[in-house]
Structures are given as structure tokens and as C-alpha cells.
Amino acid sequence: MQSKNYVLKRLLLATATSVVAFLSPVQANSWRAIDELVTEVEKTGTTVVIGYCQQRNVDGETFDVMGYYQFGGGVDQIKICENNVDMGNAPLVWSVVSHEATHVMQVCYGHGMADTIMKDSFIPEMKAELSVKRPSYLRLIQDYPAAEHKVELEAFWMEFQPEQFVIESVAYFCD
């Protein structure tokens, strides 16, 4: 049985997300917001580092990684791959940090296991928004194992949400 807090958190986020999605202007993705987001993430105990990342090989295909979240085995870290991310491009850095911060939220919310923070009923809205803003993300999600599709959909979708919403969501789900 789900606790009242669990149900309430999902309901509040779903409601807030709907309002934000329809009322929010395009965000600036400022260095200030990136710093605030990193600070909020680090309050959870997750470290954020910038470093060199090796190419990944999945099913014989090699690709460059922009960043990743590693949790488990004594590691709780977001890594931003400086060799694949233009560290002078604030909107790009914001995309990577907000995406990986979403995975932190999912682990906080799932009490140590990645769990979606949005109700499944919002999946069509998230897909619709991505189909307009970045259709390639919907194709990219299909490259992940099926069990990861929903958590990746949320993370890609979160990249386009207002800065303050993302920052406050980390605090909200990781309290």
C-alpha cells in the first residue's frame, strides 16, 4: 500500500508540472541556474564532477556520452563529460545537468532505486512536448532497455522545463 505522502507528492508534482508546462516561457539556462542546480543536487549527497569520459560501446555500437549518473557500490555521482560537452555553452551544460539531476530525483523518490517521479498519465504529454522540442530524443529513448524508457523520458523532458522548477524539484523529491 502506498503512503499518503507518496500519493500526495505524485499528485502535487503532476499538478505543478501541468501548470508550469502551459504557462512557462522559454528559459535562459543561465550559469546562475546551473550553479543553483548543482548546489541543490550536492545537498542530496551526490557529487557533481567534470571530467573526461570514454566512449561507450553498446551492442557493438560506439557512442560519445555527454554525462551520466552513477549510483550504487559506494558511488553517488553525476559526471559531466568535458570532452563531449562544450563547457562554455550554458544551455548545453544545463541540459546535461538537469537530465542527470532528474535521475538523482528518481533515485531519491524510489528510495535507492530509479523510479518515475511523474504519474504514467503524463507520459503522452511528455512525449508530445518532446516531439515538438526535440524529436530525436524520442528515437534515442528507444535505444535504452525497455525498463528504462520511462525514467529516460522524464529526464529528457525535464531538460526543457523552467530552471526554477527543476531546482525546486530536486529539493522536493530528495527531502
C-alpha atoms as a PDB file:
ATOM      1  CA  MET A   1       0.000   0.000   0.000  1.00  0.00           C
ATOM      2  CA  GLN A   2       1.334   3.428  -0.926  1.00  0.00           C
ATOM      3  CA  SER A   3       1.720   6.026   1.789  1.00  0.00           C
ATOM      4  CA  LYS A   4      -0.286   9.239   1.756  1.00  0.00           C
ATOM      5  CA  ASN A   5       2.965  11.214   1.290  1.00  0.00           C
ATOM      6  CA  TYR A   6       3.842   9.132  -1.772  1.00  0.00           C
ATOM      7  CA  VAL A   7       0.455   9.740  -3.383  1.00  0.00           C
ATOM      8  CA  LEU A   8       0.434  13.412  -2.379  1.00  0.00           C
ATOM      9  CA  LYS A   9       3.924  14.050  -3.806  1.00  0.00           C
ATOM     10  CA  ARG A  10       2.991  12.496  -7.155  1.00  0.00           C
ATOM     11  CA  LEU A  11      -0.273  14.427  -7.295  1.00  0.00           C
ATOM     12  CA  LEU A  12       1.351  17.750  -6.395  1.00  0.00           C
ATOM     13  CA  LEU A  13       4.150  17.303  -8.927  1.00  0.00           C
ATOM     14  CA  ALA A  14       1.714  16.282 -11.636  1.00  0.00           C
ATOM     15  CA  THR A  15      -0.437  19.344 -10.985  1.00  0.00           C
ATOM     16  CA  ALA A  16       2.513  21.718 -10.753  1.00  0.00           C
ATOM     17  CA  THR A  17       4.038  20.256 -13.888  1.00  0.00           C
ATOM     18  CA  SER A  18       0.864  20.775 -15.886  1.00  0.00           C
ATOM     19  CA  VAL A  19       0.636  24.406 -14.822  1.00  0.00           C
ATOM     20  CA  VAL A  20       4.336  25.062 -15.439  1.00  0.00           C
ATOM     21  CA  ALA A  21       4.301  23.386 -18.845  1.00  0.00           C
ATOM     22  CA  PHE A  22       1.499  25.597 -20.101  1.00  0.00           C
ATOM     23  CA  LEU A  23       2.498  28.904 -18.501  1.00  0.00           C
ATOM     24  CA  SER A  24       6.287  28.896 -18.715  1.00  0.00           C
ATOM     25  CA  PRO A  25       8.297  30.950 -21.183  1.00  0.00           C
ATOM     26  CA  VAL A  26      11.477  29.634 -22.768  1.00  0.00           C
ATOM     27  CA  GLN A  27      14.175  29.604 -20.111  1.00  0.00           C
ATOM     28  CA  ALA A  28      17.598  31.228 -20.410  1.00  0.00           C
ATOM     29  CA  ASN A  29      19.634  28.363 -18.912  1.00  0.00           C
ATOM     30  CA  SER A  30      21.982  30.679 -17.066  1.00  0.00           C
ATOM     31  CA  TRP A  31      25.192  29.849 -15.259  1.00  0.00           C
ATOM     32  CA  ARG A  32      23.489  31.045 -12.072  1.00  0.00           C
ATOM     33  CA  ALA A  33      20.756  28.448 -12.512  1.00  0.00           C
ATOM     34  CA  ILE A  34      23.317  25.734 -13.267  1.00  0.00           C
ATOM     35  CA  ASP A  35      25.187  26.637 -10.083  1.00  0.00           C
ATOM     36  CA  GLU A  36      21.931  26.549  -8.073  1.00  0.00           C
ATOM     37  CA  LEU A  37      21.005  23.172  -9.523  1.00  0.00           C
ATOM     38  CA  VAL A  38      24.443  21.699  -8.795  1.00  0.00           C
ATOM     39  CA  THR A  39      24.252  23.070  -5.237  1.00  0.00           C
ATOM     40  CA  GLU A  40      20.802  21.509  -4.738  1.00  0.00           C
ATOM     41  CA  VAL A  41      21.999  18.159  -6.136  1.00  0.00           C
ATOM     42  CA  GLU A  42      25.064  18.183  -3.885  1.00  0.00           C
ATOM     43  CA  LYS A  43      22.816  18.723  -0.838  1.00  0.00           C
ATOM     44  CA  THR A  44      21.497  15.202  -1.524  1.00  0.00           C
ATOM     45  CA  GLY A  45      24.991  13.752  -1.062  1.00  0.00           C
ATOM     46  CA  THR A  46      25.542  13.326  -4.794  1.00  0.00           C
ATOM     47  CA  THR A  47      28.813  14.764  -6.070  1.00  0.00           C
ATOM     48  CA  VAL A  48      28.970  16.541  -9.425  1.00  0.00           C
ATOM     49  CA  VAL A  49      32.251  16.275 -11.307  1.00  0.00           C
ATOM     50  CA  ILE A  50      33.532  17.385 -14.681  1.00  0.00           C
ATOM     51  CA  GLY A  51      35.959  15.067 -16.410  1.00  0.00           C
ATOM     52  CA  TYR A  52      36.948  13.025 -19.416  1.00  0.00           C
ATOM     53  CA  CYS A  53      34.617  10.206 -20.419  1.00  0.00           C
ATOM     54  CA  GLN A  54      35.424   7.173 -22.505  1.00  0.00           C
ATOM     55  CA  GLN A  55      33.190   6.254 -25.403  1.00  0.00           C
ATOM     56  CA  ARG A  56      30.603   3.647 -24.521  1.00  0.00           C
ATOM     57  CA  ASN A  57      30.017   0.503 -26.504  1.00  0.00           C
ATOM     58  CA  VAL A  58      26.513  -0.938 -26.531  1.00  0.00           C
ATOM     59  CA  ASP A  59      25.706  -3.886 -28.745  1.00  0.00           C
ATOM     60  CA  GLY A  60      28.816  -3.263 -30.822  1.00  0.00           C
ATOM     61  CA  GLU A  61      27.978   0.410 -31.389  1.00  0.00           C
ATOM     62  CA  THR A  62      30.281   3.093 -30.014  1.00  0.00           C
ATOM     63  CA  PHE A  63      28.925   6.465 -28.924  1.00  0.00           C
ATOM     64  CA  ASP A  64      30.008   9.546 -27.027  1.00  0.00           C
ATOM     65  CA  VAL A  65      28.477  10.195 -23.630  1.00  0.00           C
ATOM     66  CA  MET A  66      27.643  13.750 -22.534  1.00  0.00           C
ATOM     67  CA  GLY A  67      27.121  12.825 -18.911  1.00  0.00           C
ATOM     68  CA  TYR A  68      25.850  10.141 -16.616  1.00  0.00           C
ATOM     69  CA  TYR A  69      24.594   9.453 -13.108  1.00  0.00           C
ATOM     70  CA  GLN A  70      26.235   6.616 -11.231  1.00  0.00           C
ATOM     71  CA  PHE A  71      24.590   5.313  -8.080  1.00  0.00           C
ATOM     72  CA  GLY A  72      25.478   2.237  -6.104  1.00  0.00           C
ATOM     73  CA  GLY A  73      28.537   0.402  -4.935  1.00  0.00           C
ATOM     74  CA  GLY A  74      29.506   3.319  -2.734  1.00  0.00           C
ATOM     75  CA  VAL A  75      29.304   5.810  -5.624  1.00  0.00           C
ATOM     76  CA  ASP A  76      26.728   8.604  -5.901  1.00  0.00           C
ATOM     77  CA  GLN A  77      27.955  10.899  -8.657  1.00  0.00           C
ATOM     78  CA  ILE A  78      26.959  12.894 -11.715  1.00  0.00           C
ATOM     79  CA  LYS A  79      29.753  13.181 -14.255  1.00  0.00           C
ATOM     80  CA  ILE A  80      29.705  15.837 -16.980  1.00  0.00           C
ATOM     81  CA  CYS A  81      31.907  14.744 -19.877  1.00  0.00           C
ATOM     82  CA  GLU A  82      34.061  17.743 -20.748  1.00  0.00           C
ATOM     83  CA  ASN A  83      35.390  16.029 -23.871  1.00  0.00           C
ATOM     84  CA  ASN A  84      31.849  15.774 -25.295  1.00  0.00           C
ATOM     85  CA  VAL A  85      30.154  18.865 -23.850  1.00  0.00           C
ATOM     86  CA  ASP A  86      31.061  22.441 -24.789  1.00  0.00           C
ATOM     87  CA  MET A  87      31.576  23.696 -21.250  1.00  0.00           C
ATOM     88  CA  GLY A  88      31.191  27.295 -22.470  1.00  0.00           C
ATOM     89  CA  ASN A  89      27.652  26.641 -23.730  1.00  0.00           C
ATOM     90  CA  ALA A  90      25.314  27.246 -20.777  1.00  0.00           C
ATOM     91  CA  PRO A  91      22.160  25.822 -22.443  1.00  0.00           C
ATOM     92  CA  LEU A  92      24.013  22.601 -23.293  1.00  0.00           C
ATOM     93  CA  VAL A  93      25.504  22.288 -19.804  1.00  0.00           C
ATOM     94  CA  TRP A  94      22.030  22.940 -18.350  1.00  0.00           C
ATOM     95  CA  SER A  95      20.582  20.138 -20.493  1.00  0.00           C
ATOM     96  CA  VAL A  96      23.138  17.636 -19.259  1.00  0.00           C
ATOM     97  CA  VAL A  97      22.974  18.661 -15.588  1.00  0.00           C
ATOM     98  CA  SER A  98      19.157  18.839 -15.499  1.00  0.00           C
ATOM     99  CA  HIS A  99      18.886  15.446 -17.227  1.00  0.00           C
ATOM    100  CA  GLU A 100      21.243  13.779 -14.766  1.00  0.00           C
ATOM    101  CA  ALA A 101      19.685  15.638 -11.814  1.00  0.00           C
ATOM    102  CA  THR A 102      16.376  14.047 -12.804  1.00  0.00           C
ATOM    103  CA  HIS A 103      17.947  10.626 -12.304  1.00  0.00           C
ATOM    104  CA  VAL A 104      19.040  11.777  -8.842  1.00  0.00           C
ATOM    105  CA  MET A 105      15.417  12.771  -8.121  1.00  0.00           C
ATOM    106  CA  GLN A 106      14.218   9.394  -9.361  1.00  0.00           C
ATOM    107  CA  VAL A 107      16.584   7.552  -7.030  1.00  0.00           C
ATOM    108  CA  CYS A 108      15.582   9.775  -4.093  1.00  0.00           C
ATOM    109  CA  TYR A 109      11.915   9.199  -4.866  1.00  0.00           C
ATOM    110  CA  GLY A 110      12.388   5.458  -5.348  1.00  0.00           C
ATOM    111  CA  HIS A 111      14.328   5.174  -2.075  1.00  0.00           C
ATOM    112  CA  GLY A 112      17.525   3.969  -3.738  1.00  0.00           C
ATOM    113  CA  MET A 113      16.080   2.594  -6.959  1.00  0.00           C
ATOM    114  CA  ALA A 114      15.249   4.653 -10.037  1.00  0.00           C
ATOM    115  CA  ASP A 115      11.505   5.236 -10.114  1.00  0.00           C
ATOM    116  CA  THR A 116       9.498   7.669 -12.186  1.00  0.00           C
ATOM    117  CA  ILE A 117       8.511  10.866 -10.425  1.00  0.00           C
ATOM    118  CA  MET A 118       5.599  11.618 -12.750  1.00  0.00           C
ATOM    119  CA  LYS A 119       2.324   9.772 -12.981  1.00  0.00           C
ATOM    120  CA  ASP A 120       2.068   7.494 -16.006  1.00  0.00           C
ATOM    121  CA  SER A 121      -0.914   9.534 -17.184  1.00  0.00           C
ATOM    122  CA  PHE A 122       1.545  12.338 -18.083  1.00  0.00           C
ATOM    123  CA  ILE A 123       3.600  10.183 -20.456  1.00  0.00           C
ATOM    124  CA  PRO A 124       1.585  11.262 -23.535  1.00  0.00           C
ATOM    125  CA  GLU A 125       2.096  14.943 -22.619  1.00  0.00           C
ATOM    126  CA  MET A 126       5.828  14.476 -22.112  1.00  0.00           C
ATOM    127  CA  LYS A 127       6.120  12.634 -25.436  1.00  0.00           C
ATOM    128  CA  ALA A 128       4.094  15.329 -27.188  1.00  0.00           C
ATOM    129  CA  GLU A 129       6.319  18.089 -25.809  1.00  0.00           C
ATOM    130  CA  LEU A 130       9.488  16.252 -26.831  1.00  0.00           C
ATOM    131  CA  SER A 131       8.091  15.519 -30.290  1.00  0.00           C
ATOM    132  CA  VAL A 132       7.921  19.287 -30.837  1.00  0.00           C
ATOM    133  CA  LYS A 133      11.043  20.449 -28.978  1.00  0.00           C
ATOM    134  CA  ARG A 134      13.477  17.584 -29.717  1.00  0.00           C
ATOM    135  CA  PRO A 135      12.016  14.677 -31.741  1.00  0.00           C
ATOM    136  CA  SER A 136      15.411  12.950 -31.831  1.00  0.00           C
ATOM    137  CA  TYR A 137      15.093  12.316 -28.085  1.00  0.00           C
ATOM    138  CA  LEU A 138      12.091  10.064 -28.653  1.00  0.00           C
ATOM    139  CA  ARG A 139      14.183   7.959 -31.042  1.00  0.00           C
ATOM    140  CA  LEU A 140      17.120   7.966 -28.628  1.00  0.00           C
ATOM    141  CA  ILE A 141      14.932   6.664 -25.795  1.00  0.00           C
ATOM    142  CA  GLN A 142      14.242   3.575 -27.901  1.00  0.00           C
ATOM    143  CA  ASP A 143      17.967   2.730 -27.726  1.00  0.00           C
ATOM    144  CA  TYR A 144      17.696   2.257 -23.953  1.00  0.00           C
ATOM    145  CA  PRO A 145      16.484  -1.023 -22.455  1.00  0.00           C
ATOM    146  CA  ALA A 146      12.667  -1.058 -22.286  1.00  0.00           C
ATOM    147  CA  ALA A 147      12.722  -0.961 -18.485  1.00  0.00           C
ATOM    148  CA  GLU A 148      14.478   2.432 -18.661  1.00  0.00           C
ATOM    149  CA  HIS A 149      12.193   4.138 -21.195  1.00  0.00           C
ATOM    150  CA  LYS A 150      10.031   5.980 -18.656  1.00  0.00           C
ATOM    151  CA  VAL A 151      12.901   7.242 -16.484  1.00  0.00           C
ATOM    152  CA  GLU A 152      14.761   8.452 -19.580  1.00  0.00           C
ATOM    153  CA  LEU A 153      11.611  10.087 -20.974  1.00  0.00           C
ATOM    154  CA  GLU A 154      11.292  12.065 -17.735  1.00  0.00           C
ATOM    155  CA  ALA A 155      14.964  13.032 -17.780  1.00  0.00           C
ATOM    156  CA  PHE A 156      14.880  14.224 -21.387  1.00  0.00           C
ATOM    157  CA  TRP A 157      11.600  16.050 -20.783  1.00  0.00           C
ATOM    158  CA  MET A 158      12.975  17.764 -17.657  1.00  0.00           C
ATOM    159  CA  GLU A 159      15.699  19.404 -19.780  1.00  0.00           C
ATOM    160  CA  PHE A 160      13.016  21.686 -21.243  1.00  0.00           C
ATOM    161  CA  GLN A 161      11.324  22.683 -18.001  1.00  0.00           C
ATOM    162  CA  PRO A 162      11.853  26.083 -16.337  1.00  0.00           C
ATOM    163  CA  GLU A 163      15.050  26.342 -14.349  1.00  0.00           C
ATOM    164  CA  GLN A 164      13.381  27.060 -11.012  1.00  0.00           C
ATOM    165  CA  PHE A 165      11.016  24.121 -11.440  1.00  0.00           C
ATOM    166  CA  VAL A 166      13.940  21.719 -11.943  1.00  0.00           C
ATOM    167  CA  ILE A 167      15.884  23.146  -8.995  1.00  0.00           C
ATOM    168  CA  GLU A 168      12.866  23.017  -6.692  1.00  0.00           C
ATOM    169  CA  SER A 169      12.015  19.502  -7.844  1.00  0.00           C
ATOM    170  CA  VAL A 170      15.384  18.220  -6.623  1.00  0.00           C
ATOM    171  CA  ALA A 171      14.692  19.716  -3.197  1.00  0.00           C
ATOM    172  CA  TYR A 172      11.144  18.396  -3.210  1.00  0.00           C
ATOM    173  CA  PHE A 173      11.921  14.785  -4.128  1.00  0.00           C
ATOM    174  CA  CYS A 174      15.148  14.493  -2.180  1.00  0.00           C
ATOM    175  CA  ASP A 175      13.959  15.918   1.148  1.00  0.00           C
END
